PDB file of N, CA and C in Angstrom:
ATOM      1  N   MET A   1    -105.795  77.005 105.755  1.00  0.00           N
ATOM      2  CA  MET A   1    -106.520  76.793 104.521  1.00  0.00           C
ATOM      3  C   MET A   1    -106.470  75.302 104.188  1.00  0.00           C
ATOM      4  N   THR A   2    -107.633  74.728 103.911  1.00  0.00           N
ATOM      5  CA  THR A   2    -107.691  73.303 103.604  1.00  0.00           C
ATOM      6  C   THR A   2    -108.562  73.059 102.384  1.00  0.00           C
ATOM      7  N   GLY A   3    -108.516  71.845 101.917  1.00  0.00           N
ATOM      8  CA  GLY A   3    -109.406  71.421 100.847  1.00  0.00           C
ATOM      9  C   GLY A   3    -109.101  72.047  99.506  1.00  0.00           C
ATOM     10  N   LEU A   4    -110.159  72.250  98.759  1.00  0.00           N
ATOM     11  CA  LEU A   4    -110.036  72.744  97.397  1.00  0.00           C
ATOM     12  C   LEU A   4    -109.363  74.114  97.342  1.00  0.00           C
ATOM     13  N   ARG A   5    -109.676  74.965  98.301  1.00  0.00           N
ATOM     14  CA  ARG A   5    -109.056  76.294  98.326  1.00  0.00           C
ATOM     15  C   ARG A   5    -107.535  76.175  98.427  1.00  0.00           C
ATOM     16  N   ALA A   6    -107.060  75.282  99.273  1.00  0.00           N
ATOM     17  CA  ALA A   6    -105.615  75.083  99.420  1.00  0.00           C
ATOM     18  C   ALA A   6    -105.012  74.514  98.137  1.00  0.00           C
ATOM     19  N   ASP A   7    -105.739  73.599  97.502  1.00  0.00           N
ATOM     20  CA  ASP A   7    -105.243  72.983  96.273  1.00  0.00           C
ATOM     21  C   ASP A   7    -105.000  74.012  95.169  1.00  0.00           C
ATOM     22  N   PHE A   8    -105.807  75.052  95.144  1.00  0.00           N
ATOM     23  CA  PHE A   8    -105.714  76.031  94.067  1.00  0.00           C
ATOM     24  C   PHE A   8    -105.110  77.360  94.510  1.00  0.00           C
ATOM     25  N   ALA A   9    -104.597  77.436  95.740  1.00  0.00           N
ATOM     26  CA  ALA A   9    -104.037  78.687  96.269  1.00  0.00           C
ATOM     27  C   ALA A   9    -102.912  79.227  95.391  1.00  0.00           C
ATOM     28  N   GLU A  10    -102.107  78.351  94.839  1.00  0.00           N
ATOM     29  CA  GLU A  10    -100.979  78.811  94.021  1.00  0.00           C
ATOM     30  C   GLU A  10    -101.427  79.532  92.751  1.00  0.00           C
ATOM     31  N   PHE A  11    -102.682  79.344  92.360  1.00  0.00           N
ATOM     32  CA  PHE A  11    -103.183  79.982  91.139  1.00  0.00           C
ATOM     33  C   PHE A  11    -103.853  81.324  91.414  1.00  0.00           C
ATOM     34  N   THR A  12    -104.060  81.652  92.693  1.00  0.00           N
ATOM     35  CA  THR A  12    -104.696  82.918  93.057  1.00  0.00           C
ATOM     36  C   THR A  12    -103.842  84.079  92.580  1.00  0.00           C
ATOM     37  N   GLY A  13    -104.480  84.997  91.886  1.00  0.00           N
ATOM     38  CA  GLY A  13    -103.784  86.182  91.395  1.00  0.00           C
ATOM     39  C   GLY A  13    -103.079  86.006  90.060  1.00  0.00           C
ATOM     40  N   GLN A  14    -103.062  84.786  89.531  1.00  0.00           N
ATOM     41  CA  GLN A  14    -102.429  84.582  88.232  1.00  0.00           C
ATOM     42  C   GLN A  14    -103.327  85.131  87.137  1.00  0.00           C
ATOM     43  N   ARG A  15    -102.712  85.602  86.109  1.00  0.00           N
ATOM     44  CA  ARG A  15    -103.457  86.136  84.977  1.00  0.00           C
ATOM     45  C   ARG A  15    -103.776  84.998  84.005  1.00  0.00           C
ATOM     46  N   ALA A  16    -105.020  84.920  83.603  1.00  0.00           N
ATOM     47  CA  ALA A  16    -105.444  83.881  82.661  1.00  0.00           C
ATOM     48  C   ALA A  16    -105.113  84.310  81.231  1.00  0.00           C
ATOM     49  N   GLU A  17    -104.969  83.351  80.379  1.00  0.00           N
ATOM     50  CA  GLU A  17    -104.754  83.631  78.963  1.00  0.00           C
ATOM     51  C   GLU A  17    -106.050  84.184  78.367  1.00  0.00           C
ATOM     52  N   PRO A  18    -105.948  84.975  77.308  1.00  0.00           N
ATOM     53  CA  PRO A  18    -107.168  85.490  76.672  1.00  0.00           C
ATOM     54  C   PRO A  18    -108.063  84.349  76.196  1.00  0.00           C
ATOM     55  N   ALA A  19    -109.356  84.579  76.260  1.00  0.00           N
ATOM     56  CA  ALA A  19    -110.317  83.567  75.820  1.00  0.00           C
ATOM     57  C   ALA A  19    -110.197  83.357  74.319  1.00  0.00           C
ATOM     58  N   ARG A  20    -110.377  82.130  73.907  1.00  0.00           N
ATOM     59  CA  ARG A  20    -110.317  81.799  72.491  1.00  0.00           C
ATOM     60  C   ARG A  20    -111.638  82.133  71.798  1.00  0.00           C
ATOM     61  N   TYR A  21    -112.728  82.073  72.543  1.00  0.00           N
ATOM     62  CA  TYR A  21    -114.058  82.313  71.993  1.00  0.00           C
ATOM     63  C   TYR A  21    -114.668  83.539  72.651  1.00  0.00           C
ATOM     64  N   ALA A  22    -115.186  84.429  71.833  1.00  0.00           N
ATOM     65  CA  ALA A  22    -115.844  85.616  72.375  1.00  0.00           C
ATOM     66  C   ALA A  22    -117.165  85.201  73.017  1.00  0.00           C
ATOM     67  N   VAL A  23    -117.441  85.760  74.162  1.00  0.00           N
ATOM     68  CA  VAL A  23    -118.712  85.505  74.834  1.00  0.00           C
ATOM     69  C   VAL A  23    -119.656  86.626  74.423  1.00  0.00           C
ATOM     70  N   ASN A  24    -120.798  86.249  73.867  1.00  0.00           N
ATOM     71  CA  ASN A  24    -121.750  87.261  73.424  1.00  0.00           C
ATOM     72  C   ASN A  24    -123.099  87.055  74.113  1.00  0.00           C
ATOM     73  N   GLU A  25    -124.031  87.948  73.847  1.00  0.00           N
ATOM     74  CA  GLU A  25    -125.324  87.891  74.517  1.00  0.00           C
ATOM     75  C   GLU A  25    -126.076  86.595  74.225  1.00  0.00           C
ATOM     76  N   ALA A  26    -125.957  86.071  73.016  1.00  0.00           N
ATOM     77  CA  ALA A  26    -126.651  84.820  72.689  1.00  0.00           C
ATOM     78  C   ALA A  26    -126.104  83.660  73.522  1.00  0.00           C
ATOM     79  N   MET A  27    -124.780  83.602  73.681  1.00  0.00           N
ATOM     80  CA  MET A  27    -124.182  82.542  74.504  1.00  0.00           C
ATOM     81  C   MET A  27    -124.628  82.676  75.955  1.00  0.00           C
ATOM     82  N   ILE A  28    -124.662  83.916  76.458  1.00  0.00           N
ATOM     83  CA  ILE A  28    -125.079  84.153  77.839  1.00  0.00           C
ATOM     84  C   ILE A  28    -126.531  83.722  78.025  1.00  0.00           C
ATOM     85  N   ARG A  29    -127.393  84.078  77.077  1.00  0.00           N
ATOM     86  CA  ARG A  29    -128.810  83.692  77.155  1.00  0.00           C
ATOM     87  C   ARG A  29    -128.952  82.167  77.140  1.00  0.00           C
ATOM     88  N   ASN A  30    -128.245  81.497  76.246  1.00  0.00           N
ATOM     89  CA  ASN A  30    -128.315  80.030  76.179  1.00  0.00           C
ATOM     90  C   ASN A  30    -127.836  79.399  77.479  1.00  0.00           C
ATOM     91  N   TRP A  31    -126.782  79.933  78.041  1.00  0.00           N
ATOM     92  CA  TRP A  31    -126.249  79.416  79.302  1.00  0.00           C
ATOM     93  C   TRP A  31    -127.298  79.542  80.410  1.00  0.00           C
ATOM     94  N   GLY A  32    -127.902  80.724  80.505  1.00  0.00           N
ATOM     95  CA  GLY A  32    -128.928  80.946  81.526  1.00  0.00           C
ATOM     96  C   GLY A  32    -130.111  80.015  81.359  1.00  0.00           C
ATOM     97  N   GLU A  33    -130.551  79.825  80.119  1.00  0.00           N
ATOM     98  CA  GLU A  33    -131.677  78.921  79.863  1.00  0.00           C
ATOM     99  C   GLU A  33    -131.316  77.485  80.219  1.00  0.00           C
ATOM    100  N   ALA A  34    -130.123  77.064  79.871  1.00  0.00           N
ATOM    101  CA  ALA A  34    -129.704  75.685  80.154  1.00  0.00           C
ATOM    102  C   ALA A  34    -129.628  75.419  81.650  1.00  0.00           C
ATOM    103  N   ARG A  35    -129.273  76.430  82.420  1.00  0.00           N
ATOM    104  CA  ARG A  35    -129.144  76.271  83.873  1.00  0.00           C
ATOM    105  C   ARG A  35    -130.395  76.729  84.613  1.00  0.00           C
ATOM    106  N   ASP A  36    -131.409  77.133  83.877  1.00  0.00           N
ATOM    107  CA  ASP A  36    -132.659  77.629  84.461  1.00  0.00           C
ATOM    108  C   ASP A  36    -132.384  78.791  85.414  1.00  0.00           C
ATOM    109  N   ASP A  37    -131.449  79.647  85.018  1.00  0.00           N
ATOM    110  CA  ASP A  37    -131.081  80.819  85.812  1.00  0.00           C
ATOM    111  C   ASP A  37    -131.743  82.030  85.174  1.00  0.00           C
ATOM    112  N   ARG A  38    -132.734  82.569  85.831  1.00  0.00           N
ATOM    113  CA  ARG A  38    -133.530  83.651  85.247  1.00  0.00           C
ATOM    114  C   ARG A  38    -133.134  85.038  85.747  1.00  0.00           C
ATOM    115  N   ASN A  39    -131.908  85.190  86.192  1.00  0.00           N
ATOM    116  CA  ASN A  39    -131.450  86.496  86.651  1.00  0.00           C
ATOM    117  C   ASN A  39    -131.527  87.466  85.472  1.00  0.00           C
ATOM    118  N   PRO A  40    -132.299  88.555  85.604  1.00  0.00           N
ATOM    119  CA  PRO A  40    -132.480  89.455  84.460  1.00  0.00           C
ATOM    120  C   PRO A  40    -131.203  90.150  83.988  1.00  0.00           C
ATOM    121  N   VAL A  41    -130.184  90.263  84.821  1.00  0.00           N
ATOM    122  CA  VAL A  41    -128.949  90.931  84.365  1.00  0.00           C
ATOM    123  C   VAL A  41    -128.224  90.124  83.298  1.00  0.00           C
ATOM    124  N   TYR A  42    -128.619  88.863  83.104  1.00  0.00           N
ATOM    125  CA  TYR A  42    -128.003  88.035  82.069  1.00  0.00           C
ATOM    126  C   TYR A  42    -128.680  88.203  80.709  1.00  0.00           C
ATOM    127  N   VAL A  43    -129.891  88.761  80.691  1.00  0.00           N
ATOM    128  CA  VAL A  43    -130.637  88.832  79.431  1.00  0.00           C
ATOM    129  C   VAL A  43    -131.229  90.202  79.126  1.00  0.00           C
ATOM    130  N   ASP A  44    -131.311  91.067  80.117  1.00  0.00           N
ATOM    131  CA  ASP A  44    -131.993  92.348  79.954  1.00  0.00           C
ATOM    132  C   ASP A  44    -131.007  93.495  80.186  1.00  0.00           C
ATOM    133  N   ASP A  45    -130.724  94.223  79.119  1.00  0.00           N
ATOM    134  CA  ASP A  45    -129.763  95.319  79.186  1.00  0.00           C
ATOM    135  C   ASP A  45    -130.170  96.358  80.236  1.00  0.00           C
ATOM    136  N   ALA A  46    -131.449  96.696  80.298  1.00  0.00           N
ATOM    137  CA  ALA A  46    -131.927  97.698  81.260  1.00  0.00           C
ATOM    138  C   ALA A  46    -131.741  97.206  82.696  1.00  0.00           C
ATOM    139  N   ALA A  47    -132.027  95.931  82.939  1.00  0.00           N
ATOM    140  CA  ALA A  47    -131.852  95.367  84.287  1.00  0.00           C
ATOM    141  C   ALA A  47    -130.377  95.370  84.678  1.00  0.00           C
ATOM    142  N   ALA A  48    -129.520  95.049  83.729  1.00  0.00           N
ATOM    143  CA  ALA A  48    -128.080  95.054  84.011  1.00  0.00           C
ATOM    144  C   ALA A  48    -127.603  96.472  84.326  1.00  0.00           C
ATOM    145  N   LYS A  49    -128.087  97.448  83.570  1.00  0.00           N
ATOM    146  CA  LYS A  49    -127.699  98.843  83.815  1.00  0.00           C
ATOM    147  C   LYS A  49    -128.233  99.330  85.159  1.00  0.00           C
ATOM    148  N   ALA A  50    -129.442  98.906  85.520  1.00  0.00           N
ATOM    149  CA  ALA A  50    -130.012  99.275  86.821  1.00  0.00           C
ATOM    150  C   ALA A  50    -129.193  98.679  87.965  1.00  0.00           C
ATOM    151  N   ALA A  51    -128.500  97.576  87.689  1.00  0.00           N
ATOM    152  CA  ALA A  51    -127.653  96.923  88.694  1.00  0.00           C
ATOM    153  C   ALA A  51    -126.229  97.490  88.689  1.00  0.00           C
ATOM    154  N   GLY A  52    -126.001  98.531  87.882  1.00  0.00           N
ATOM    155  CA  GLY A  52    -124.687  99.168  87.865  1.00  0.00           C
ATOM    156  C   GLY A  52    -123.708  98.594  86.859  1.00  0.00           C
ATOM    157  N   ARG A  53    -124.187  97.782  85.945  1.00  0.00           N
ATOM    158  CA  ARG A  53    -123.326  97.190  84.909  1.00  0.00           C
ATOM    159  C   ARG A  53    -123.510  97.942  83.598  1.00  0.00           C
ATOM    160  N   PRO A  54    -122.534  97.893  82.702  1.00  0.00           N
ATOM    161  CA  PRO A  54    -122.677  98.597  81.429  1.00  0.00           C
ATOM    162  C   PRO A  54    -123.653  97.916  80.467  1.00  0.00           C
ATOM    163  N   GLY A  55    -123.953  96.672  80.696  1.00  0.00           N
ATOM    164  CA  GLY A  55    -124.864  95.897  79.858  1.00  0.00           C
ATOM    165  C   GLY A  55    -124.985  94.503  80.445  1.00  0.00           C
ATOM    166  N   VAL A  56    -125.589  93.589  79.678  1.00  0.00           N
ATOM    167  CA  VAL A  56    -125.765  92.234  80.201  1.00  0.00           C
ATOM    168  C   VAL A  56    -124.414  91.645  80.606  1.00  0.00           C
ATOM    169  N   VAL A  57    -124.441  90.794  81.615  1.00  0.00           N
ATOM    170  CA  VAL A  57    -123.218  90.170  82.120  1.00  0.00           C
ATOM    171  C   VAL A  57    -123.354  88.655  82.069  1.00  0.00           C
ATOM    172  N   ALA A  58    -122.229  87.983  82.026  1.00  0.00           N
ATOM    173  CA  ALA A  58    -122.214  86.519  82.035  1.00  0.00           C
ATOM    174  C   ALA A  58    -122.316  86.022  83.472  1.00  0.00           C
ATOM    175  N   PRO A  59    -123.030  84.904  83.682  1.00  0.00           N
ATOM    176  CA  PRO A  59    -123.076  84.316  85.021  1.00  0.00           C
ATOM    177  C   PRO A  59    -121.665  83.925  85.462  1.00  0.00           C
ATOM    178  N   PRO A  60    -121.333  84.087  86.736  1.00  0.00           N
ATOM    179  CA  PRO A  60    -119.987  83.738  87.211  1.00  0.00           C
ATOM    180  C   PRO A  60    -119.587  82.298  86.888  1.00  0.00           C
ATOM    181  N   ALA A  61    -120.528  81.368  86.975  1.00  0.00           N
ATOM    182  CA  ALA A  61    -120.203  79.967  86.682  1.00  0.00           C
ATOM    183  C   ALA A  61    -119.777  79.790  85.228  1.00  0.00           C
ATOM    184  N   MET A  62    -120.294  80.611  84.343  1.00  0.00           N
ATOM    185  CA  MET A  62    -119.921  80.510  82.934  1.00  0.00           C
ATOM    186  C   MET A  62    -118.449  80.856  82.747  1.00  0.00           C
ATOM    187  N   CYS A  63    -117.967  81.824  83.471  1.00  0.00           N
ATOM    188  CA  CYS A  63    -116.559  82.224  83.343  1.00  0.00           C
ATOM    189  C   CYS A  63    -115.620  81.103  83.752  1.00  0.00           C
ATOM    190  N   SER A  64    -115.927  80.434  84.844  1.00  0.00           N
ATOM    191  CA  SER A  64    -115.048  79.350  85.277  1.00  0.00           C
ATOM    192  C   SER A  64    -115.170  78.148  84.357  1.00  0.00           C
ATOM    193  N   THR A  65    -116.351  77.909  83.822  1.00  0.00           N
ATOM    194  CA  THR A  65    -116.539  76.774  82.929  1.00  0.00           C
ATOM    195  C   THR A  65    -115.835  77.009  81.602  1.00  0.00           C
ATOM    196  N   MET A  66    -115.813  78.230  81.147  1.00  0.00           N
ATOM    197  CA  MET A  66    -115.162  78.528  79.882  1.00  0.00           C
ATOM    198  C   MET A  66    -113.652  78.298  79.960  1.00  0.00           C
ATOM    199  N   ASP A  67    -113.122  78.117  81.152  1.00  0.00           N
ATOM    200  CA  ASP A  67    -111.698  77.870  81.341  1.00  0.00           C
ATOM    201  C   ASP A  67    -111.390  76.372  81.394  1.00  0.00           C
ATOM    202  N   HIS A  68    -112.312  75.545  80.928  1.00  0.00           N
ATOM    203  CA  HIS A  68    -112.147  74.096  81.055  1.00  0.00           C
ATOM    204  C   HIS A  68    -110.891  73.561  80.391  1.00  0.00           C
ATOM    205  N   GLY A  69    -110.318  74.277  79.467  1.00  0.00           N
ATOM    206  CA  GLY A  69    -109.110  73.804  78.806  1.00  0.00           C
ATOM    207  C   GLY A  69    -107.908  73.705  79.735  1.00  0.00           C
ATOM    208  N   ARG A  70    -107.881  74.509  80.795  1.00  0.00           N
ATOM    209  CA  ARG A  70    -106.750  74.485  81.727  1.00  0.00           C
ATOM    210  C   ARG A  70    -106.941  73.473  82.839  1.00  0.00           C
ATOM    211  N   VAL A  71    -108.144  72.979  83.047  1.00  0.00           N
ATOM    212  CA  VAL A  71    -108.411  72.113  84.196  1.00  0.00           C
ATOM    213  C   VAL A  71    -107.465  70.922  84.278  1.00  0.00           C
ATOM    214  N   PRO A  72    -107.228  70.158  83.209  1.00  0.00           N
ATOM    215  CA  PRO A  72    -106.307  69.018  83.344  1.00  0.00           C
ATOM    216  C   PRO A  72    -104.921  69.419  83.846  1.00  0.00           C
ATOM    217  N   ALA A  73    -104.452  70.592  83.461  1.00  0.00           N
ATOM    218  CA  ALA A  73    -103.133  71.042  83.914  1.00  0.00           C
ATOM    219  C   ALA A  73    -103.134  71.389  85.396  1.00  0.00           C
ATOM    220  N   LEU A  74    -104.306  71.671  85.951  1.00  0.00           N
ATOM    221  CA  LEU A  74    -104.393  72.043  87.355  1.00  0.00           C
ATOM    222  C   LEU A  74    -104.430  70.834  88.278  1.00  0.00           C
ATOM    223  N   LEU A  75    -104.803  69.702  87.743  1.00  0.00           N
ATOM    224  CA  LEU A  75    -104.902  68.504  88.578  1.00  0.00           C
ATOM    225  C   LEU A  75    -103.512  67.955  88.877  1.00  0.00           C
ATOM    226  N   ARG A  76    -103.314  67.527  90.090  1.00  0.00           N
ATOM    227  CA  ARG A  76    -102.018  66.950  90.474  1.00  0.00           C
ATOM    228  C   ARG A  76    -101.780  65.624  89.734  1.00  0.00           C
ATOM    229  N   ASP A  77    -102.814  64.834  89.602  1.00  0.00           N
ATOM    230  CA  ASP A  77    -102.729  63.551  88.912  1.00  0.00           C
ATOM    231  C   ASP A  77    -103.817  63.547  87.845  1.00  0.00           C
ATOM    232  N   PRO A  78    -103.471  63.854  86.581  1.00  0.00           N
ATOM    233  CA  PRO A  78    -104.486  63.955  85.537  1.00  0.00           C
ATOM    234  C   PRO A  78    -105.342  62.701  85.352  1.00  0.00           C
ATOM    235  N   GLY A  79    -104.868  61.549  85.795  1.00  0.00           N
ATOM    236  CA  GLY A  79    -105.655  60.329  85.655  1.00  0.00           C
ATOM    237  C   GLY A  79    -106.648  60.111  86.778  1.00  0.00           C
ATOM    238  N   ALA A  80    -106.589  60.941  87.790  1.00  0.00           N
ATOM    239  CA  ALA A  80    -107.464  60.753  88.951  1.00  0.00           C
ATOM    240  C   ALA A  80    -108.713  61.610  88.843  1.00  0.00           C
ATOM    241  N   ALA A  81    -109.798  61.093  89.379  1.00  0.00           N
ATOM    242  CA  ALA A  81    -111.037  61.873  89.458  1.00  0.00           C
ATOM    243  C   ALA A  81    -110.951  62.767  90.684  1.00  0.00           C
ATOM    244  N   PRO A  82    -111.494  63.974  90.621  1.00  0.00           N
ATOM    245  CA  PRO A  82    -111.459  64.849  91.801  1.00  0.00           C
ATOM    246  C   PRO A  82    -112.184  64.206  92.983  1.00  0.00           C
ATOM    247  N   ALA A  83    -111.460  63.934  94.037  1.00  0.00           N
ATOM    248  CA  ALA A  83    -112.035  63.245  95.196  1.00  0.00           C
ATOM    249  C   ALA A  83    -112.999  64.121  95.971  1.00  0.00           C
ATOM    250  N   ARG A  84    -112.867  65.425  95.858  1.00  0.00           N
ATOM    251  CA  ARG A  84    -113.718  66.306  96.646  1.00  0.00           C
ATOM    252  C   ARG A  84    -115.028  66.657  95.952  1.00  0.00           C
ATOM    253  N   ALA A  85    -115.236  66.181  94.754  1.00  0.00           N
ATOM    254  CA  ALA A  85    -116.480  66.490  94.051  1.00  0.00           C
ATOM    255  C   ALA A  85    -117.609  65.671  94.664  1.00  0.00           C
ATOM    256  N   ARG A  86    -118.498  66.366  95.323  1.00  0.00           N
ATOM    257  CA  ARG A  86    -119.645  65.697  95.950  1.00  0.00           C
ATOM    258  C   ARG A  86    -120.911  66.362  95.432  1.00  0.00           C
ATOM    259  N   TRP A  87    -121.827  65.561  94.941  1.00  0.00           N
ATOM    260  CA  TRP A  87    -123.069  66.081  94.395  1.00  0.00           C
ATOM    261  C   TRP A  87    -124.230  65.538  95.199  1.00  0.00           C
ATOM    262  N   ARG A  88    -125.214  66.367  95.391  1.00  0.00           N
ATOM    263  CA  ARG A  88    -126.420  65.942  96.076  1.00  0.00           C
ATOM    264  C   ARG A  88    -127.603  66.530  95.324  1.00  0.00           C
ATOM    265  N   ILE A  89    -128.552  65.710  94.988  1.00  0.00           N
ATOM    266  CA  ILE A  89    -129.747  66.200  94.304  1.00  0.00           C
ATOM    267  C   ILE A  89    -130.724  66.660  95.368  1.00  0.00           C
ATOM    268  N   SER A  90    -131.084  67.929  95.315  1.00  0.00           N
ATOM    269  CA  SER A  90    -131.991  68.450  96.330  1.00  0.00           C
ATOM    270  C   SER A  90    -133.437  68.431  95.860  1.00  0.00           C
ATOM    271  N   ARG A  91    -133.648  68.408  94.554  1.00  0.00           N
ATOM    272  CA  ARG A  91    -135.014  68.274  94.047  1.00  0.00           C
ATOM    273  C   ARG A  91    -134.934  67.792  92.608  1.00  0.00           C
ATOM    274  N   THR A  92    -135.960  67.144  92.185  1.00  0.00           N
ATOM    275  CA  THR A  92    -136.016  66.657  90.812  1.00  0.00           C
ATOM    276  C   THR A  92    -137.259  67.219  90.142  1.00  0.00           C
ATOM    277  N   ARG A  93    -137.244  67.185  88.858  1.00  0.00           N
ATOM    278  CA  ARG A  93    -138.407  67.647  88.090  1.00  0.00           C
ATOM    279  C   ARG A  93    -139.000  66.466  87.356  1.00  0.00           C
ATOM    280  N   GLY A  94    -140.303  66.421  87.328  1.00  0.00           N
ATOM    281  CA  GLY A  94    -141.001  65.299  86.714  1.00  0.00           C
ATOM    282  C   GLY A  94    -141.211  65.392  85.304  1.00  0.00           C
TER     283      GLY A  94
END
């Protein structure tokens, strides 16, 4: 195991603290709109139920982002920028 996966291996299986803010349908809808993610299970109760869910669900990226309060504690050197963060723009909008 190498890279980011190895860096965070010690946290695998740990239980997270309860969320401070409740995630509701309005937050999920805003998140989807901001990310231009039109997956119907995020906004349509019937689509979510057809996919086997009890109702609308939050995008997976939203769950990890909502944990941003713990991120500084996870870094080995809080003053350092993550060296493995690499971004590439694949398309732009005019």
